[in-house]
C-alpha atoms as a PDB file:
ATOM      1  CA  MET A   1      21.147   6.696 -12.165  1.00  0.00           C
ATOM      2  CA  GLU A   2      21.089   3.470 -11.018  1.00  0.00           C
ATOM      3  CA  GLU A   3      20.573   4.606  -7.036  1.00  0.00           C
ATOM      4  CA  ILE A   4      17.647   6.211  -8.453  1.00  0.00           C
ATOM      5  CA  PHE A   5      16.042   3.796  -9.790  1.00  0.00           C
ATOM      6  CA  ALA A   6      16.988   1.388  -6.847  1.00  0.00           C
ATOM      7  CA  GLY A   7      15.358   4.406  -4.406  1.00  0.00           C
ATOM      8  CA  MET A   8      12.699   4.072  -6.723  1.00  0.00           C
ATOM      9  CA  ILE A   9      11.662   0.542  -6.162  1.00  0.00           C
ATOM     10  CA  ARG A  10      12.784   0.532  -1.890  1.00  0.00           C
ATOM     11  CA  THR A  11      10.260   3.584  -1.752  1.00  0.00           C
ATOM     12  CA  ALA A  12       7.478   2.614  -4.290  1.00  0.00           C
ATOM     13  CA  THR A  13       7.340  -0.845  -2.308  1.00  0.00           C
ATOM     14  CA  PRO A  14       4.787  -0.057   0.858  1.00  0.00           C
ATOM     15  CA  ILE A  15       2.472   2.107  -1.572  1.00  0.00           C
ATOM     16  CA  LEU A  16       2.368  -1.184  -4.110  1.00  0.00           C
ATOM     17  CA  LEU A  17       1.816  -3.386  -1.530  1.00  0.00           C
ATOM     18  CA  ALA A  18      -1.098  -1.138   0.096  1.00  0.00           C
ATOM     19  CA  ALA A  19      -2.137  -0.587  -3.266  1.00  0.00           C
ATOM     20  CA  LEU A  20      -2.379  -4.692  -4.046  1.00  0.00           C
ATOM     21  CA  GLY A  21      -4.591  -4.889  -0.960  1.00  0.00           C
ATOM     22  CA  GLY A  22      -6.729  -2.003  -2.570  1.00  0.00           C
ATOM     23  CA  ILE A  23      -6.919  -3.734  -6.178  1.00  0.00           C
ATOM     24  CA  LEU A  24      -8.513  -6.863  -4.243  1.00  0.00           C
ATOM     25  CA  CYS A  25     -11.015  -4.200  -2.420  1.00  0.00           C
ATOM     26  CA  GLU A  26     -11.935  -2.506  -6.010  1.00  0.00           C
ATOM     27  CA  LYS A  27     -12.529  -5.709  -7.748  1.00  0.00           C
ATOM     28  CA  VAL A  28     -15.430  -7.140  -5.280  1.00  0.00           C
ATOM     29  CA  GLY A  29     -16.766  -3.113  -5.136  1.00  0.00           C
ATOM     30  CA  VAL A  30     -15.642  -1.944  -1.418  1.00  0.00           C
ATOM     31  CA  PHE A  31     -14.798   1.797  -1.417  1.00  0.00           C
ATOM     32  CA  ASN A  32     -11.880   1.489   0.841  1.00  0.00           C
ATOM     33  CA  ILE A  33      -9.698   4.409   1.668  1.00  0.00           C
ATOM     34  CA  ALA A  34      -8.566   3.695   5.176  1.00  0.00           C
ATOM     35  CA  LEU A  35      -5.438   1.977   3.340  1.00  0.00           C
ATOM     36  CA  GLU A  36      -3.884   4.575   5.361  1.00  0.00           C
ATOM     37  CA  GLY A  37      -4.825   3.972   8.545  1.00  0.00           C
ATOM     38  CA  LEU A  38      -4.494   0.138   8.261  1.00  0.00           C
ATOM     39  CA  MET A  39      -0.868   1.199   6.919  1.00  0.00           C
ATOM     40  CA  LEU A  40      -0.108   3.113  10.334  1.00  0.00           C
ATOM     41  CA  PHE A  41      -1.005   0.140  12.548  1.00  0.00           C
ATOM     42  CA  GLY A  42       1.243  -2.036  11.049  1.00  0.00           C
ATOM     43  CA  ALA A  43       3.968   0.752  10.844  1.00  0.00           C
ATOM     44  CA  PHE A  44       3.587   1.056  14.674  1.00  0.00           C
ATOM     45  CA  PHE A  45       3.145  -2.821  15.841  1.00  0.00           C
ATOM     46  CA  GLY A  46       5.663  -3.429  14.351  1.00  0.00           C
ATOM     47  CA  VAL A  47       8.181  -1.738  15.827  1.00  0.00           C
ATOM     48  CA  TYR A  48       6.838  -1.564  19.305  1.00  0.00           C
ATOM     49  CA  VAL A  49       6.698  -5.898  18.589  1.00  0.00           C
ATOM     50  CA  VAL A  50      10.478  -5.755  17.835  1.00  0.00           C
ATOM     51  CA  SER A  51      11.548  -3.845  20.331  1.00  0.00           C
ATOM     52  CA  LEU A  52      10.320  -6.146  22.772  1.00  0.00           C
ATOM     53  CA  THR A  53      11.243  -9.398  21.081  1.00  0.00           C
ATOM     54  CA  GLY A  54      14.618  -8.014  18.680  1.00  0.00           C
ATOM     55  CA  GLU A  55      12.834 -10.639  16.026  1.00  0.00           C
ATOM     56  CA  PRO A  56      12.113  -8.736  12.398  1.00  0.00           C
ATOM     57  CA  LEU A  57      10.407 -11.686  11.701  1.00  0.00           C
ATOM     58  CA  MET A  58       7.924 -11.355  14.792  1.00  0.00           C
ATOM     59  CA  ALA A  59       7.410  -7.868  14.087  1.00  0.00           C
ATOM     60  CA  LEU A  60       6.265  -9.143  10.644  1.00  0.00           C
ATOM     61  CA  LEU A  61       3.650 -11.465  11.850  1.00  0.00           C
ATOM     62  CA  ALA A  62       2.475  -9.065  14.427  1.00  0.00           C
ATOM     63  CA  ALA A  63       1.847  -6.396  11.269  1.00  0.00           C
ATOM     64  CA  LEU A  64       0.133  -9.195   9.229  1.00  0.00           C
ATOM     65  CA  ALA A  65      -2.198  -9.945  12.462  1.00  0.00           C
ATOM     66  CA  VAL A  66      -2.859  -6.308  13.118  1.00  0.00           C
ATOM     67  CA  GLY A  67      -3.717  -6.013   9.671  1.00  0.00           C
ATOM     68  CA  ALA A  68      -6.227  -8.645   9.867  1.00  0.00           C
ATOM     69  CA  ILE A  69      -7.860  -7.189  12.900  1.00  0.00           C
ATOM     70  CA  GLY A  70      -8.222  -3.889  11.270  1.00  0.00           C
ATOM     71  CA  GLY A  71      -9.807  -5.691   8.397  1.00  0.00           C
ATOM     72  CA  VAL A  72     -11.924  -7.309  10.615  1.00  0.00           C
ATOM     73  CA  ILE A  73     -13.233  -3.730  12.177  1.00  0.00           C
ATOM     74  CA  LEU A  74     -13.238  -2.484   8.972  1.00  0.00           C
ATOM     75  CA  VAL A  75     -15.477  -4.626   7.896  1.00  0.00           C
ATOM     76  CA  GLU A  76     -18.247  -4.165  10.310  1.00  0.00           C
ATOM     77  CA  LEU A  77     -17.613  -0.399   9.682  1.00  0.00           C
ATOM     78  CA  LEU A  78     -18.590  -0.398   6.152  1.00  0.00           C
ATOM     79  CA  LYS A  79     -21.848  -1.526   7.052  1.00  0.00           C
ATOM     80  CA  THR A  80     -22.958   1.930   7.851  1.00  0.00           C
ATOM     81  CA  ASP A  81     -21.157   4.307   5.245  1.00  0.00           C
ATOM     82  CA  ALA A  82     -17.811   2.970   3.340  1.00  0.00           C
ATOM     83  CA  THR A  83     -16.608   6.589   3.137  1.00  0.00           C
ATOM     84  CA  ILE A  84     -17.451   7.726   6.579  1.00  0.00           C
ATOM     85  CA  ALA A  85     -15.780   4.389   7.808  1.00  0.00           C
ATOM     86  CA  SER A  86     -12.856   4.779   6.219  1.00  0.00           C
ATOM     87  CA  ILE A  87     -12.083   8.360   7.069  1.00  0.00           C
ATOM     88  CA  GLY A  88     -13.192   7.210  10.973  1.00  0.00           C
ATOM     89  CA  MET A  89     -10.116   4.494  10.719  1.00  0.00           C
ATOM     90  CA  ASN A  90      -7.930   6.709   9.132  1.00  0.00           C
ATOM     91  CA  THR A  91      -8.378   8.932  12.454  1.00  0.00           C
ATOM     92  CA  PHE A  92      -8.457   6.321  14.653  1.00  0.00           C
ATOM     93  CA  ALA A  93      -5.305   4.986  13.672  1.00  0.00           C
ATOM     94  CA  LEU A  94      -3.612   8.486  13.782  1.00  0.00           C
ATOM     95  CA  GLY A  95      -4.715   8.968  17.135  1.00  0.00           C
ATOM     96  CA  LEU A  96      -4.009   5.908  18.640  1.00  0.00           C
ATOM     97  CA  THR A  97      -0.911   5.091  17.287  1.00  0.00           C
ATOM     98  CA  THR A  98       0.332   8.928  18.670  1.00  0.00           C
ATOM     99  CA  TYR A  99      -1.308   8.184  22.197  1.00  0.00           C
ATOM    100  CA  LEU A 100       0.195   4.518  22.129  1.00  0.00           C
ATOM    101  CA  MET A 101       3.564   5.572  21.091  1.00  0.00           C
ATOM    102  CA  LYS A 102       3.789   8.560  23.555  1.00  0.00           C
ATOM    103  CA  MET A 103       2.034   6.476  26.526  1.00  0.00           C
ATOM    104  CA  VAL A 104       4.731   3.678  25.874  1.00  0.00           C
ATOM    105  CA  PHE A 105       7.674   5.191  24.762  1.00  0.00           C
ATOM    106  CA  GLY A 106       7.406   9.051  26.358  1.00  0.00           C
ATOM    107  CA  ASP A 107       7.168  12.199  24.462  1.00  0.00           C
ATOM    108  CA  GLU A 108      10.396  12.370  22.073  1.00  0.00           C
ATOM    109  CA  GLY A 109       7.737  12.314  19.195  1.00  0.00           C
ATOM    110  CA  SER A 110       8.971   9.057  17.656  1.00  0.00           C
ATOM    111  CA  ILE A 111      10.253   5.436  19.023  1.00  0.00           C
ATOM    112  CA  ARG A 112      13.843   4.505  19.148  1.00  0.00           C
ATOM    113  CA  SER A 113      15.494   2.045  20.810  1.00  0.00           C
ATOM    114  CA  ALA A 114      18.641   0.123  20.432  1.00  0.00           C
ATOM    115  CA  ASN A 115      16.153  -3.258  20.546  1.00  0.00           C
ATOM    116  CA  ILE A 116      14.757  -2.192  17.126  1.00  0.00           C
ATOM    117  CA  VAL A 117      16.217  -4.407  14.500  1.00  0.00           C
ATOM    118  CA  GLY A 118      15.287  -3.731  10.821  1.00  0.00           C
ATOM    119  CA  PHE A 119      14.856  -6.319   7.695  1.00  0.00           C
ATOM    120  CA  SER A 120      18.288  -7.276   6.351  1.00  0.00           C
ATOM    121  CA  LYS A 121      19.175  -6.776   3.090  1.00  0.00           C
ATOM    122  CA  LEU A 122      19.092  -9.687   0.843  1.00  0.00           C
ATOM    123  CA  GLU A 123      22.592 -10.410  -1.234  1.00  0.00           C
ATOM    124  CA  ILE A 124      22.193 -12.196  -4.825  1.00  0.00           C
ATOM    125  CA  PRO A 125      25.229 -12.759  -5.579  1.00  0.00           C
ATOM    126  CA  TRP A 126      23.979 -13.509  -9.662  1.00  0.00           C
ATOM    127  CA  LEU A 127      21.330 -10.861  -9.518  1.00  0.00           C
ATOM    128  CA  GLU A 128      24.595  -8.163  -8.928  1.00  0.00           C
ATOM    129  CA  LYS A 129      26.603  -9.224 -11.858  1.00  0.00           C
ATOM    130  CA  ILE A 130      23.824  -8.385 -13.849  1.00  0.00           C
ATOM    131  CA  PRO A 131      25.032  -4.298 -14.911  1.00  0.00           C
ATOM    132  CA  PHE A 132      22.571  -1.763 -14.218  1.00  0.00           C
ATOM    133  CA  ILE A 133      19.738  -4.341 -13.093  1.00  0.00           C
ATOM    134  CA  GLY A 134      21.921  -6.028 -10.467  1.00  0.00           C
ATOM    135  CA  LYS A 135      22.086  -2.712  -8.815  1.00  0.00           C
ATOM    136  CA  VAL A 136      18.988  -1.546  -9.391  1.00  0.00           C
ATOM    137  CA  LEU A 137      17.002  -4.743  -7.948  1.00  0.00           C
ATOM    138  CA  GLY A 138      20.007  -5.536  -5.886  1.00  0.00           C
ATOM    139  CA  GLY A 139      20.294  -5.499  -1.915  1.00  0.00           C
ATOM    140  CA  HIS A 140      16.869  -4.683  -1.077  1.00  0.00           C
ATOM    141  CA  THR A 141      14.591  -6.143   1.905  1.00  0.00           C
ATOM    142  CA  VAL A 142      12.606  -9.246   1.457  1.00  0.00           C
ATOM    143  CA  LEU A 143       9.488  -7.668   1.186  1.00  0.00           C
ATOM    144  CA  VAL A 144      10.161  -5.590  -1.959  1.00  0.00           C
ATOM    145  CA  TYR A 145      10.632  -8.693  -3.660  1.00  0.00           C
ATOM    146  CA  VAL A 146       7.846 -10.165  -1.827  1.00  0.00           C
ATOM    147  CA  SER A 147       5.486  -7.089  -3.477  1.00  0.00           C
ATOM    148  CA  LEU A 148       6.837  -7.997  -7.240  1.00  0.00           C
ATOM    149  CA  LEU A 149       5.967 -11.205  -6.595  1.00  0.00           C
ATOM    150  CA  LEU A 150       2.737 -10.601  -5.347  1.00  0.00           C
ATOM    151  CA  VAL A 151       1.974  -8.641  -8.374  1.00  0.00           C
ATOM    152  CA  ILE A 152       2.548 -11.486 -10.457  1.00  0.00           C
ATOM    153  CA  LEU A 153       0.326 -14.316  -8.464  1.00  0.00           C
ATOM    154  CA  MET A 154      -2.673 -11.455  -8.126  1.00  0.00           C
ATOM    155  CA  GLN A 155      -2.084 -11.042 -11.992  1.00  0.00           C
ATOM    156  CA  ILE A 156      -2.870 -14.611 -12.759  1.00  0.00           C
ATOM    157  CA  PHE A 157      -4.904 -15.439  -9.756  1.00  0.00           C
ATOM    158  CA  ILE A 158      -7.781 -12.245 -10.749  1.00  0.00           C
ATOM    159  CA  TYR A 159      -7.143 -13.049 -14.880  1.00  0.00           C
ATOM    160  CA  LYS A 160      -6.598 -16.099 -14.258  1.00  0.00           C
ATOM    161  CA  THR A 161      -8.570 -18.529 -12.113  1.00  0.00           C
ATOM    162  CA  ARG A 162     -11.668 -19.492 -11.146  1.00  0.00           C
ATOM    163  CA  THR A 163     -11.799 -17.858  -7.779  1.00  0.00           C
ATOM    164  CA  GLY A 164     -10.332 -14.634  -9.194  1.00  0.00           C
ATOM    165  CA  ILE A 165     -13.145 -14.638 -11.870  1.00  0.00           C
ATOM    166  CA  ASN A 166     -15.791 -15.107  -9.302  1.00  0.00           C
ATOM    167  CA  LEU A 167     -14.263 -12.130  -7.087  1.00  0.00           C
ATOM    168  CA  ARG A 168     -14.338 -10.050 -10.482  1.00  0.00           C
ATOM    169  CA  ALA A 169     -18.291 -10.884 -10.655  1.00  0.00           C
ATOM    170  CA  VAL A 170     -19.131  -9.485  -7.331  1.00  0.00           C
ATOM    171  CA  GLY A 171     -17.899  -6.242  -8.149  1.00  0.00           C
ATOM    172  CA  GLU A 172     -19.421  -5.938 -11.102  1.00  0.00           C
ATOM    173  CA  ASN A 173     -22.690  -7.750 -10.887  1.00  0.00           C
ATOM    174  CA  PRO A 174     -23.586  -8.172  -7.103  1.00  0.00           C
ATOM    175  CA  LEU A 175     -26.640  -9.779  -7.905  1.00  0.00           C
ATOM    176  CA  ALA A 176     -25.589 -11.969 -11.075  1.00  0.00           C
ATOM    177  CA  ALA A 177     -23.060 -12.917  -8.656  1.00  0.00           C
ATOM    178  CA  THR A 178     -25.422 -14.073  -6.408  1.00  0.00           C
ATOM    179  CA  SER A 179     -27.717 -15.487  -8.863  1.00  0.00           C
ATOM    180  CA  ALA A 180     -24.584 -17.844  -9.717  1.00  0.00           C
ATOM    181  CA  GLY A 181     -24.334 -19.187  -6.253  1.00  0.00           C
ATOM    182  CA  ILE A 182     -21.173 -17.104  -5.051  1.00  0.00           C
ATOM    183  CA  SER A 183     -21.361 -15.441  -1.794  1.00  0.00           C
ATOM    184  CA  VAL A 184     -20.809 -11.589  -2.159  1.00  0.00           C
ATOM    185  CA  LYS A 185     -20.445 -11.357   1.560  1.00  0.00           C
ATOM    186  CA  ARG A 186     -17.892 -14.090   2.014  1.00  0.00           C
ATOM    187  CA  TYR A 187     -15.581 -12.809  -0.798  1.00  0.00           C
ATOM    188  CA  ARG A 188     -16.136  -9.407   0.592  1.00  0.00           C
ATOM    189  CA  ILE A 189     -15.026 -10.158   3.669  1.00  0.00           C
ATOM    190  CA  ILE A 190     -11.761 -11.914   2.910  1.00  0.00           C
ATOM    191  CA  SER A 191     -11.126  -8.967   0.393  1.00  0.00           C
ATOM    192  CA  VAL A 192     -11.034  -6.774   3.172  1.00  0.00           C
ATOM    193  CA  VAL A 193      -9.448  -8.751   5.263  1.00  0.00           C
ATOM    194  CA  VAL A 194      -6.217  -9.459   3.080  1.00  0.00           C
ATOM    195  CA  ALA A 195      -5.949  -5.976   2.118  1.00  0.00           C
ATOM    196  CA  GLY A 196      -5.367  -5.003   5.698  1.00  0.00           C
ATOM    197  CA  MET A 197      -2.659  -7.556   6.364  1.00  0.00           C
ATOM    198  CA  LEU A 198      -1.141  -6.205   2.876  1.00  0.00           C
ATOM    199  CA  CYS A 199      -1.581  -3.152   4.471  1.00  0.00           C
ATOM    200  CA  GLY A 200       0.010  -3.986   7.995  1.00  0.00           C
ATOM    201  CA  LEU A 201       3.482  -5.302   5.291  1.00  0.00           C
ATOM    202  CA  ALA A 202       3.148  -1.684   3.928  1.00  0.00           C
ATOM    203  CA  GLY A 203       3.494  -0.416   7.224  1.00  0.00           C
ATOM    204  CA  VAL A 204       6.109  -2.728   8.466  1.00  0.00           C
ATOM    205  CA  HIS A 205       8.246  -2.323   5.661  1.00  0.00           C
ATOM    206  CA  LEU A 206       8.308   1.799   6.426  1.00  0.00           C
ATOM    207  CA  SER A 207       9.232   1.384  10.185  1.00  0.00           C
ATOM    208  CA  LEU A 208      11.998  -1.657   9.866  1.00  0.00           C
ATOM    209  CA  GLY A 209      12.350  -1.932   5.994  1.00  0.00           C
ATOM    210  CA  TYR A 210      13.297   2.160   5.377  1.00  0.00           C
ATOM    211  CA  VAL A 211      14.511   2.804   8.772  1.00  0.00           C
ATOM    212  CA  THR A 212      14.153   1.529  12.498  1.00  0.00           C
ATOM    213  CA  MET A 213      11.828   3.985  14.159  1.00  0.00           C
ATOM    214  CA  PHE A 214       8.268   5.241  14.065  1.00  0.00           C
ATOM    215  CA  THR A 215       7.133   8.574  14.072  1.00  0.00           C
ATOM    216  CA  GLU A 216       3.843   9.853  13.866  1.00  0.00           C
ATOM    217  CA  ASN A 217       1.913   9.952  11.293  1.00  0.00           C
ATOM    218  CA  MET A 218       4.865   8.052   9.657  1.00  0.00           C
ATOM    219  CA  THR A 219       2.905   7.008   6.555  1.00  0.00           C
ATOM    220  CA  GLY A 220       2.640  10.569   5.289  1.00  0.00           C
ATOM    221  CA  GLY A 221      -0.064  10.174   3.105  1.00  0.00           C
ATOM    222  CA  ARG A 222       1.418   6.995   1.390  1.00  0.00           C
ATOM    223  CA  GLY A 223      -1.867   5.354   1.852  1.00  0.00           C
ATOM    224  CA  PHE A 224      -3.714   7.848  -0.508  1.00  0.00           C
ATOM    225  CA  PHE A 225      -1.016   7.621  -2.860  1.00  0.00           C
ATOM    226  CA  SER A 226      -1.842   3.862  -3.165  1.00  0.00           C
ATOM    227  CA  TYR A 227      -5.651   4.122  -3.762  1.00  0.00           C
ATOM    228  CA  THR A 228      -4.682   6.711  -6.490  1.00  0.00           C
ATOM    229  CA  ALA A 229      -2.686   4.284  -7.772  1.00  0.00           C
ATOM    230  CA  VAL A 230      -5.563   1.766  -7.889  1.00  0.00           C
ATOM    231  CA  VAL A 231      -7.718   4.234  -9.626  1.00  0.00           C
ATOM    232  CA  PHE A 232      -5.339   5.093 -12.055  1.00  0.00           C
ATOM    233  CA  GLY A 233      -4.151   1.672 -12.947  1.00  0.00           C
ATOM    234  CA  GLN A 234      -7.641   0.472 -13.307  1.00  0.00           C
ATOM    235  CA  ALA A 235      -7.392  -2.262 -10.762  1.00  0.00           C
ATOM    236  CA  ASN A 236      -4.896  -3.999 -13.051  1.00  0.00           C
ATOM    237  CA  PRO A 237      -1.579  -5.469 -10.652  1.00  0.00           C
ATOM    238  CA  VAL A 238       1.032  -4.479 -13.398  1.00  0.00           C
ATOM    239  CA  ILE A 239      -0.354  -0.913 -14.168  1.00  0.00           C
ATOM    240  CA  VAL A 240      -0.639  -0.459 -10.788  1.00  0.00           C
ATOM    241  CA  MET A 241       2.672  -1.256  -9.947  1.00  0.00           C
ATOM    242  CA  ILE A 242       3.737   1.135 -12.646  1.00  0.00           C
ATOM    243  CA  ALA A 243       1.963   3.799 -10.921  1.00  0.00           C
ATOM    244  CA  SER A 244       3.479   3.109  -7.630  1.00  0.00           C
ATOM    245  CA  PHE A 245       6.852   2.914  -9.251  1.00  0.00           C
ATOM    246  CA  VAL A 246       5.778   6.929 -10.441  1.00  0.00           C
ATOM    247  CA  PHE A 247       5.067   7.786  -6.768  1.00  0.00           C
ATOM    248  CA  GLY A 248       8.165   6.214  -5.540  1.00  0.00           C
ATOM    249  CA  LEU A 249      10.110   7.978  -8.226  1.00  0.00           C
ATOM    250  CA  SER A 250       8.523  11.376  -7.193  1.00  0.00           C
ATOM    251  CA  GLU A 251       9.545  10.679  -3.677  1.00  0.00           C
ATOM    252  CA  THR A 252      13.195   9.770  -4.214  1.00  0.00           C
ATOM    253  CA  LEU A 253      13.706  12.725  -6.967  1.00  0.00           C
ATOM    254  CA  ALA A 254      12.462  14.758  -3.553  1.00  0.00           C
ATOM    255  CA  TYR A 255      15.244  13.652  -1.407  1.00  0.00           C
ATOM    256  CA  ARG A 256      17.149  14.492  -4.115  1.00  0.00           C
ATOM    257  CA  PHE A 257      16.072  17.768  -4.609  1.00  0.00           C
ATOM    258  CA  GLN A 258      15.893  18.733  -0.718  1.00  0.00           C
ATOM    259  CA  GLN A 259      19.878  17.788  -0.557  1.00  0.00           C
ATOM    260  CA  SER A 260      20.967  19.904  -3.562  1.00  0.00           C
ATOM    261  CA  GLY A 261      19.369  23.633  -1.546  1.00  0.00           C
ATOM    262  CA  VAL A 262      15.738  23.690  -2.944  1.00  0.00           C
ATOM    263  CA  PRO A 263      12.752  24.682  -0.907  1.00  0.00           C
ATOM    264  CA  VAL A 264      11.876  21.749   1.113  1.00  0.00           C
ATOM    265  CA  PRO A 265       8.109  22.364   1.221  1.00  0.00           C
ATOM    266  CA  LEU A 266       8.208  22.919  -2.712  1.00  0.00           C
ATOM    267  CA  VAL A 267       9.508  19.461  -3.087  1.00  0.00           C
ATOM    268  CA  LEU A 268       7.462  17.735  -0.431  1.00  0.00           C
ATOM    269  CA  THR A 269       4.497  19.188  -3.250  1.00  0.00           C
ATOM    270  CA  ILE A 270       5.645  16.296  -6.097  1.00  0.00           C
ATOM    271  CA  PRO A 271       4.198  13.441  -4.902  1.00  0.00           C
ATOM    272  CA  TYR A 272       0.906  15.108  -4.672  1.00  0.00           C
ATOM    273  CA  VAL A 273       1.354  17.001  -7.932  1.00  0.00           C
ATOM    274  CA  ILE A 274       1.787  13.491  -9.002  1.00  0.00           C
ATOM    275  CA  THR A 275      -1.634  12.317  -7.234  1.00  0.00           C
ATOM    276  CA  VAL A 276      -3.626  15.458  -9.479  1.00  0.00           C
ATOM    277  CA  ILE A 277      -2.193  14.757 -12.522  1.00  0.00           C
ATOM    278  CA  ALA A 278      -2.989  11.061 -12.473  1.00  0.00           C
ATOM    279  CA  LEU A 279      -6.822  11.991 -11.326  1.00  0.00           C
ATOM    280  CA  ILE A 280      -6.880  14.336 -13.709  1.00  0.00           C
ATOM    281  CA  ILE A 281      -5.421  11.896 -16.664  1.00  0.00           C
ATOM    282  CA  ARG A 282      -8.033   9.373 -15.114  1.00  0.00           C
ATOM    283  CA  ASN A 283     -10.753  11.609 -15.298  1.00  0.00           C
ATOM    284  CA  VAL A 284     -10.041  12.308 -19.167  1.00  0.00           C
ATOM    285  CA  ARG A 285      -9.578   9.104 -20.238  1.00  0.00           C
ATOM    286  CA  ILE A 286     -13.018   7.874 -18.322  1.00  0.00           C
ATOM    287  CA  LYS A 287     -14.717  11.083 -20.183  1.00  0.00           C
ATOM    288  CA  LYS A 288     -13.071  10.120 -23.440  1.00  0.00           C
ATOM    289  CA  THR A 289     -14.475   6.600 -22.862  1.00  0.00           C
ATOM    290  CA  LYS A 290     -18.324   7.385 -22.785  1.00  0.00           C
ATOM    291  CA  ARG A 291     -17.889   9.603 -25.505  1.00  0.00           C
ATOM    292  CA  LEU A 292     -17.119   6.937 -27.342  1.00  0.00           C
ATOM    293  CA  ILE A 293     -19.794   4.417 -25.974  1.00  0.00           C
ATOM    294  CA  GLU A 294     -22.053   7.390 -26.471  1.00  0.00           C
ATOM    295  CA  GLY A 295     -21.169   8.083 -30.185  1.00  0.00           C
ATOM    296  CA  LYS A 296     -21.579   3.924 -30.828  1.00  0.00           C
ATOM    297  CA  VAL A 297     -25.044   3.937 -29.018  1.00  0.00           C
ATOM    298  CA  GLU A 298     -26.267   6.672 -31.294  1.00  0.00           C
END
């Protein structure tokens, strides 16, 4: 049981990191489903840089940088149409990373090298002594703990700080925010760029935290799972974290079922079924809220 929950936290980390970026975009009123593409950039360039330097820290910095650059590009694209811009970014990321992978590393279909060093697991002696919790929370990479810490910090930032209140005001009522002297444009640009950096971290965790390699379309829809977690969690960091854990648990169980002989295609549908269920529940909840509001108005 401990192994299942430990696997849940590990597999939920990239989804959670990208979802935290999605929360920022959602709060400022930016429709951003380009999380998938930004994660791909982080995964590829993290592996590429570590293959050149042999330093995971350099890969981490590269993922942050490429995520920020991707965010800047997305800001410019969002001036046209958010949906088209996001789809374009996802398509561009998939095509570019696949092309670069084959151009730089050959046609093997993946990047593998003895020089690629993954993130080391942190051993926390006092934590590992705690029954159950020690086995679940101990022995993860640094990004796992960073993601959990960011949930707490973002919860405080959004709901307890002046900047966080301004950020929410930008998304809820841009005209009122502008009248109050808040720069809507600045808040949106910064939010999208920071979201890109968080997606970069999510991607590099996939390629250097899970394994030490990069494969074509390595994210496998996790960026869309992240956006679903944001929607389902109503952009609340704590609820979004729980939703991310649900996806992490479904992915962990999928691997377990594969080992038990259950047909692979059936197993791989589990996270997508969870996504559909989450969206149905959200839709029902929204309709119920609307009915209550309409009832009060009448």
